Amino acid sequence: MTTLQEAIKVINQNRIFIPKKKKGLAQQLLGKFKGIIPEGKTSTEFIRKMRNSLYGKIK
């Protein structure tokens, strides 16, 4: 085997270990919860109302 062939073999073997770029969390969740926020309200207003309510609190 020539030095060039050995170099090509090593490069091709190491490609397996190069991590593939993953989608970010925001990209994965984009559009998943469409329709949850009522029309006419901003997400900030909706979240503020949810925090002030008893939503998710254990009695």
PDB file of N, CA and C in Angstrom:
ATOM      1  N   MET A   1       0.849  -1.178   0.000  1.00  0.00           N
ATOM      2  CA  MET A   1       0.000   0.000   0.000  1.00  0.00           C
ATOM      3  C   MET A   1       0.897   1.244   0.000  1.00  0.00           C
ATOM      4  N   THR A   2       0.555   2.188  -0.819  1.00  0.00           N
ATOM      5  CA  THR A   2       1.357   3.412  -0.879  1.00  0.00           C
ATOM      6  C   THR A   2       0.961   4.348   0.252  1.00  0.00           C
ATOM      7  N   THR A   3       1.783   5.313   0.462  1.00  0.00           N
ATOM      8  CA  THR A   3       1.520   6.291   1.512  1.00  0.00           C
ATOM      9  C   THR A   3       0.234   7.058   1.231  1.00  0.00           C
ATOM     10  N   LEU A   4      -0.011   7.375  -0.042  1.00  0.00           N
ATOM     11  CA  LEU A   4      -1.231   8.087  -0.413  1.00  0.00           C
ATOM     12  C   LEU A   4      -2.465   7.235  -0.131  1.00  0.00           C
ATOM     13  N   GLN A   5      -2.402   5.953  -0.469  1.00  0.00           N
ATOM     14  CA  GLN A   5      -3.532   5.054  -0.211  1.00  0.00           C
ATOM     15  C   GLN A   5      -3.781   4.922   1.288  1.00  0.00           C
ATOM     16  N   GLU A   6      -2.711   4.852   2.060  1.00  0.00           N
ATOM     17  CA  GLU A   6      -2.858   4.761   3.514  1.00  0.00           C
ATOM     18  C   GLU A   6      -3.499   6.031   4.071  1.00  0.00           C
ATOM     19  N   ALA A   7      -3.084   7.170   3.556  1.00  0.00           N
ATOM     20  CA  ALA A   7      -3.651   8.440   4.014  1.00  0.00           C
ATOM     21  C   ALA A   7      -5.134   8.515   3.686  1.00  0.00           C
ATOM     22  N   ILE A   8      -5.509   8.103   2.485  1.00  0.00           N
ATOM     23  CA  ILE A   8      -6.923   8.111   2.084  1.00  0.00           C
ATOM     24  C   ILE A   8      -7.730   7.173   2.967  1.00  0.00           C
ATOM     25  N   LYS A   9      -7.177   6.009   3.272  1.00  0.00           N
ATOM     26  CA  LYS A   9      -7.865   5.038   4.128  1.00  0.00           C
ATOM     27  C   LYS A   9      -8.100   5.621   5.527  1.00  0.00           C
ATOM     28  N   VAL A  10      -7.091   6.269   6.088  1.00  0.00           N
ATOM     29  CA  VAL A  10      -7.213   6.859   7.425  1.00  0.00           C
ATOM     30  C   VAL A  10      -8.255   7.972   7.425  1.00  0.00           C
ATOM     31  N   ILE A  11      -8.232   8.802   6.399  1.00  0.00           N
ATOM     32  CA  ILE A  11      -9.209   9.895   6.304  1.00  0.00           C
ATOM     33  C   ILE A  11     -10.622   9.342   6.211  1.00  0.00           C
ATOM     34  N   ASN A  12     -10.822   8.333   5.388  1.00  0.00           N
ATOM     35  CA  ASN A  12     -12.163   7.747   5.231  1.00  0.00           C
ATOM     36  C   ASN A  12     -12.635   7.068   6.507  1.00  0.00           C
ATOM     37  N   GLN A  13     -11.735   6.445   7.242  1.00  0.00           N
ATOM     38  CA  GLN A  13     -12.115   5.798   8.502  1.00  0.00           C
ATOM     39  C   GLN A  13     -12.494   6.836   9.554  1.00  0.00           C
ATOM     40  N   ASN A  14     -11.833   7.967   9.547  1.00  0.00           N
ATOM     41  CA  ASN A  14     -12.099   8.995  10.556  1.00  0.00           C
ATOM     42  C   ASN A  14     -13.362   9.789  10.266  1.00  0.00           C
ATOM     43  N   ARG A  15     -13.903   9.692   9.091  1.00  0.00           N
ATOM     44  CA  ARG A  15     -15.153  10.397   8.783  1.00  0.00           C
ATOM     45  C   ARG A  15     -16.308   9.874   9.624  1.00  0.00           C
ATOM     46  N   ILE A  16     -16.198   8.658  10.068  1.00  0.00           N
ATOM     47  CA  ILE A  16     -17.238   8.057  10.901  1.00  0.00           C
ATOM     48  C   ILE A  16     -17.372   8.838  12.208  1.00  0.00           C
ATOM     49  N   PHE A  17     -16.275   9.353  12.718  1.00  0.00           N
ATOM     50  CA  PHE A  17     -16.262  10.001  14.025  1.00  0.00           C
ATOM     51  C   PHE A  17     -16.609  11.484  13.969  1.00  0.00           C
ATOM     52  N   ILE A  18     -16.791  12.029  12.784  1.00  0.00           N
ATOM     53  CA  ILE A  18     -17.181  13.428  12.669  1.00  0.00           C
ATOM     54  C   ILE A  18     -18.670  13.523  12.984  1.00  0.00           C
ATOM     55  N   PRO A  19     -19.033  14.236  14.042  1.00  0.00           N
ATOM     56  CA  PRO A  19     -20.458  14.310  14.401  1.00  0.00           C
ATOM     57  C   PRO A  19     -21.248  15.084  13.352  1.00  0.00           C
ATOM     58  N   LYS A  20     -22.430  14.579  13.067  1.00  0.00           N
ATOM     59  CA  LYS A  20     -23.312  15.272  12.139  1.00  0.00           C
ATOM     60  C   LYS A  20     -23.986  16.415  12.885  1.00  0.00           C
ATOM     61  N   LYS A  21     -24.206  17.500  12.181  1.00  0.00           N
ATOM     62  CA  LYS A  21     -24.822  18.665  12.801  1.00  0.00           C
ATOM     63  C   LYS A  21     -26.277  18.341  13.127  1.00  0.00           C
ATOM     64  N   LYS A  22     -26.625  18.533  14.381  1.00  0.00           N
ATOM     65  CA  LYS A  22     -27.987  18.261  14.824  1.00  0.00           C
ATOM     66  C   LYS A  22     -28.806  19.538  14.775  1.00  0.00           C
ATOM     67  N   LYS A  23     -30.101  19.364  14.674  1.00  0.00           N
ATOM     68  CA  LYS A  23     -30.989  20.520  14.735  1.00  0.00           C
ATOM     69  C   LYS A  23     -31.046  21.009  16.174  1.00  0.00           C
ATOM     70  N   GLY A  24     -31.135  22.305  16.326  1.00  0.00           N
ATOM     71  CA  GLY A  24     -31.254  22.890  17.654  1.00  0.00           C
ATOM     72  C   GLY A  24     -32.642  22.622  18.225  1.00  0.00           C
ATOM     73  N   LEU A  25     -32.768  22.778  19.505  1.00  0.00           N
ATOM     74  CA  LEU A  25     -34.039  22.540  20.177  1.00  0.00           C
ATOM     75  C   LEU A  25     -35.132  23.442  19.629  1.00  0.00           C
ATOM     76  N   ALA A  26     -34.796  24.693  19.391  1.00  0.00           N
ATOM     77  CA  ALA A  26     -35.794  25.630  18.862  1.00  0.00           C
ATOM     78  C   ALA A  26     -36.294  25.178  17.490  1.00  0.00           C
ATOM     79  N   GLN A  27     -35.401  24.659  16.663  1.00  0.00           N
ATOM     80  CA  GLN A  27     -35.799  24.189  15.336  1.00  0.00           C
ATOM     81  C   GLN A  27     -36.681  22.945  15.437  1.00  0.00           C
ATOM     82  N   GLN A  28     -36.398  22.072  16.408  1.00  0.00           N
ATOM     83  CA  GLN A  28     -37.203  20.863  16.585  1.00  0.00           C
ATOM     84  C   GLN A  28     -38.615  21.196  17.058  1.00  0.00           C
ATOM     85  N   LEU A  29     -38.742  22.198  17.909  1.00  0.00           N
ATOM     86  CA  LEU A  29     -40.040  22.538  18.484  1.00  0.00           C
ATOM     87  C   LEU A  29     -40.832  23.532  17.648  1.00  0.00           C
ATOM     88  N   LEU A  30     -40.206  24.089  16.622  1.00  0.00           N
ATOM     89  CA  LEU A  30     -40.853  25.097  15.796  1.00  0.00           C
ATOM     90  C   LEU A  30     -42.144  24.547  15.192  1.00  0.00           C
ATOM     91  N   GLY A  31     -43.261  25.155  15.538  1.00  0.00           N
ATOM     92  CA  GLY A  31     -44.555  24.758  14.995  1.00  0.00           C
ATOM     93  C   GLY A  31     -45.241  23.618  15.732  1.00  0.00           C
ATOM     94  N   LYS A  32     -44.600  23.014  16.718  1.00  0.00           N
ATOM     95  CA  LYS A  32     -45.198  21.877  17.433  1.00  0.00           C
ATOM     96  C   LYS A  32     -46.405  22.289  18.268  1.00  0.00           C
ATOM     97  N   PHE A  33     -46.397  23.498  18.790  1.00  0.00           N
ATOM     98  CA  PHE A  33     -47.448  23.938  19.700  1.00  0.00           C
ATOM     99  C   PHE A  33     -48.306  25.028  19.081  1.00  0.00           C
ATOM    100  N   LYS A  34     -48.439  24.969  17.791  1.00  0.00           N
ATOM    101  CA  LYS A  34     -49.226  25.965  17.069  1.00  0.00           C
ATOM    102  C   LYS A  34     -50.680  25.900  17.540  1.00  0.00           C
ATOM    103  N   GLY A  35     -51.267  27.038  17.830  1.00  0.00           N
ATOM    104  CA  GLY A  35     -52.655  27.093  18.255  1.00  0.00           C
ATOM    105  C   GLY A  35     -52.860  27.112  19.755  1.00  0.00           C
ATOM    106  N   ILE A  36     -51.804  26.944  20.529  1.00  0.00           N
ATOM    107  CA  ILE A  36     -51.946  26.953  21.989  1.00  0.00           C
ATOM    108  C   ILE A  36     -52.219  28.365  22.496  1.00  0.00           C
ATOM    109  N   ILE A  37     -51.503  29.337  21.968  1.00  0.00           N
ATOM    110  CA  ILE A  37     -51.680  30.729  22.393  1.00  0.00           C
ATOM    111  C   ILE A  37     -52.903  31.292  21.686  1.00  0.00           C
ATOM    112  N   PRO A  38     -53.888  31.765  22.451  1.00  0.00           N
ATOM    113  CA  PRO A  38     -55.111  32.293  21.848  1.00  0.00           C
ATOM    114  C   PRO A  38     -54.825  33.487  20.938  1.00  0.00           C
ATOM    115  N   GLU A  39     -55.627  33.612  19.910  1.00  0.00           N
ATOM    116  CA  GLU A  39     -55.462  34.742  18.992  1.00  0.00           C
ATOM    117  C   GLU A  39     -55.744  36.039  19.734  1.00  0.00           C
ATOM    118  N   GLY A  40     -55.009  37.063  19.418  1.00  0.00           N
ATOM    119  CA  GLY A  40     -55.179  38.359  20.063  1.00  0.00           C
ATOM    120  C   GLY A  40     -54.294  38.545  21.274  1.00  0.00           C
ATOM    121  N   LYS A  41     -53.585  37.492  21.712  1.00  0.00           N
ATOM    122  CA  LYS A  41     -52.667  37.593  22.841  1.00  0.00           C
ATOM    123  C   LYS A  41     -51.257  37.308  22.349  1.00  0.00           C
ATOM    124  N   THR A  42     -50.312  37.971  22.985  1.00  0.00           N
ATOM    125  CA  THR A  42     -48.919  37.655  22.688  1.00  0.00           C
ATOM    126  C   THR A  42     -48.492  36.486  23.564  1.00  0.00           C
ATOM    127  N   SER A  43     -47.395  35.860  23.202  1.00  0.00           N
ATOM    128  CA  SER A  43     -46.906  34.742  24.010  1.00  0.00           C
ATOM    129  C   SER A  43     -46.541  35.208  25.415  1.00  0.00           C
ATOM    130  N   THR A  44     -46.035  36.427  25.532  1.00  0.00           N
ATOM    131  CA  THR A  44     -45.679  36.967  26.847  1.00  0.00           C
ATOM    132  C   THR A  44     -46.910  37.123  27.726  1.00  0.00           C
ATOM    133  N   GLU A  45     -47.986  37.652  27.170  1.00  0.00           N
ATOM    134  CA  GLU A  45     -49.230  37.808  27.937  1.00  0.00           C
ATOM    135  C   GLU A  45     -49.771  36.450  28.357  1.00  0.00           C
ATOM    136  N   PHE A  46     -49.726  35.492  27.463  1.00  0.00           N
ATOM    137  CA  PHE A  46     -50.240  34.153  27.755  1.00  0.00           C
ATOM    138  C   PHE A  46     -49.432  33.493  28.874  1.00  0.00           C
ATOM    139  N   ILE A  47     -48.116  33.575  28.785  1.00  0.00           N
ATOM    140  CA  ILE A  47     -47.260  32.966  29.807  1.00  0.00           C
ATOM    141  C   ILE A  47     -47.447  33.654  31.151  1.00  0.00           C
ATOM    142  N   ARG A  48     -47.567  34.970  31.148  1.00  0.00           N
ATOM    143  CA  ARG A  48     -47.783  35.716  32.395  1.00  0.00           C
ATOM    144  C   ARG A  48     -49.080  35.262  33.065  1.00  0.00           C
ATOM    145  N   LYS A  49     -50.133  35.083  32.279  1.00  0.00           N
ATOM    146  CA  LYS A  49     -51.414  34.644  32.830  1.00  0.00           C
ATOM    147  C   LYS A  49     -51.299  33.224  33.391  1.00  0.00           C
ATOM    148  N   MET A  50     -50.573  32.351  32.690  1.00  0.00           N
ATOM    149  CA  MET A  50     -50.403  30.977  33.163  1.00  0.00           C
ATOM    150  C   MET A  50     -49.616  30.935  34.473  1.00  0.00           C
ATOM    151  N   ARG A  51     -48.608  31.772  34.592  1.00  0.00           N
ATOM    152  CA  ARG A  51     -47.804  31.805  35.822  1.00  0.00           C
ATOM    153  C   ARG A  51     -48.616  32.299  37.008  1.00  0.00           C
ATOM    154  N   ASN A  52     -49.511  33.233  36.769  1.00  0.00           N
ATOM    155  CA  ASN A  52     -50.320  33.789  37.854  1.00  0.00           C
ATOM    156  C   ASN A  52     -51.486  32.886  38.238  1.00  0.00           C
ATOM    157  N   SER A  53     -51.815  31.933  37.396  1.00  0.00           N
ATOM    158  CA  SER A  53     -52.928  31.030  37.702  1.00  0.00           C
ATOM    159  C   SER A  53     -52.419  29.856  38.537  1.00  0.00           C
ATOM    160  N   LEU A  54     -53.278  28.938  38.834  1.00  0.00           N
ATOM    161  CA  LEU A  54     -52.893  27.748  39.586  1.00  0.00           C
ATOM    162  C   LEU A  54     -52.425  26.621  38.677  1.00  0.00           C
ATOM    163  N   TYR A  55     -52.197  26.918  37.404  1.00  0.00           N
ATOM    164  CA  TYR A  55     -51.789  25.906  36.441  1.00  0.00           C
ATOM    165  C   TYR A  55     -50.494  25.223  36.878  1.00  0.00           C
ATOM    166  N   GLY A  56     -50.544  23.912  37.028  1.00  0.00           N
ATOM    167  CA  GLY A  56     -49.357  23.126  37.342  1.00  0.00           C
ATOM    168  C   GLY A  56     -48.933  23.128  38.798  1.00  0.00           C
ATOM    169  N   LYS A  57     -49.665  23.797  39.659  1.00  0.00           N
ATOM    170  CA  LYS A  57     -49.285  23.833  41.069  1.00  0.00           C
ATOM    171  C   LYS A  57     -49.972  22.695  41.807  1.00  0.00           C
ATOM    172  N   ILE A  58     -49.251  22.109  42.724  1.00  0.00           N
ATOM    173  CA  ILE A  58     -49.794  21.010  43.525  1.00  0.00           C
ATOM    174  C   ILE A  58     -50.427  21.600  44.770  1.00  0.00           C
ATOM    175  N   LYS A  59     -51.622  21.140  45.068  1.00  0.00           N
ATOM    176  CA  LYS A  59     -52.324  21.640  46.261  1.00  0.00           C
ATOM    177  C   LYS A  59     -51.996  20.786  47.451  1.00  0.00           C
TER     178      LYS A  59
END
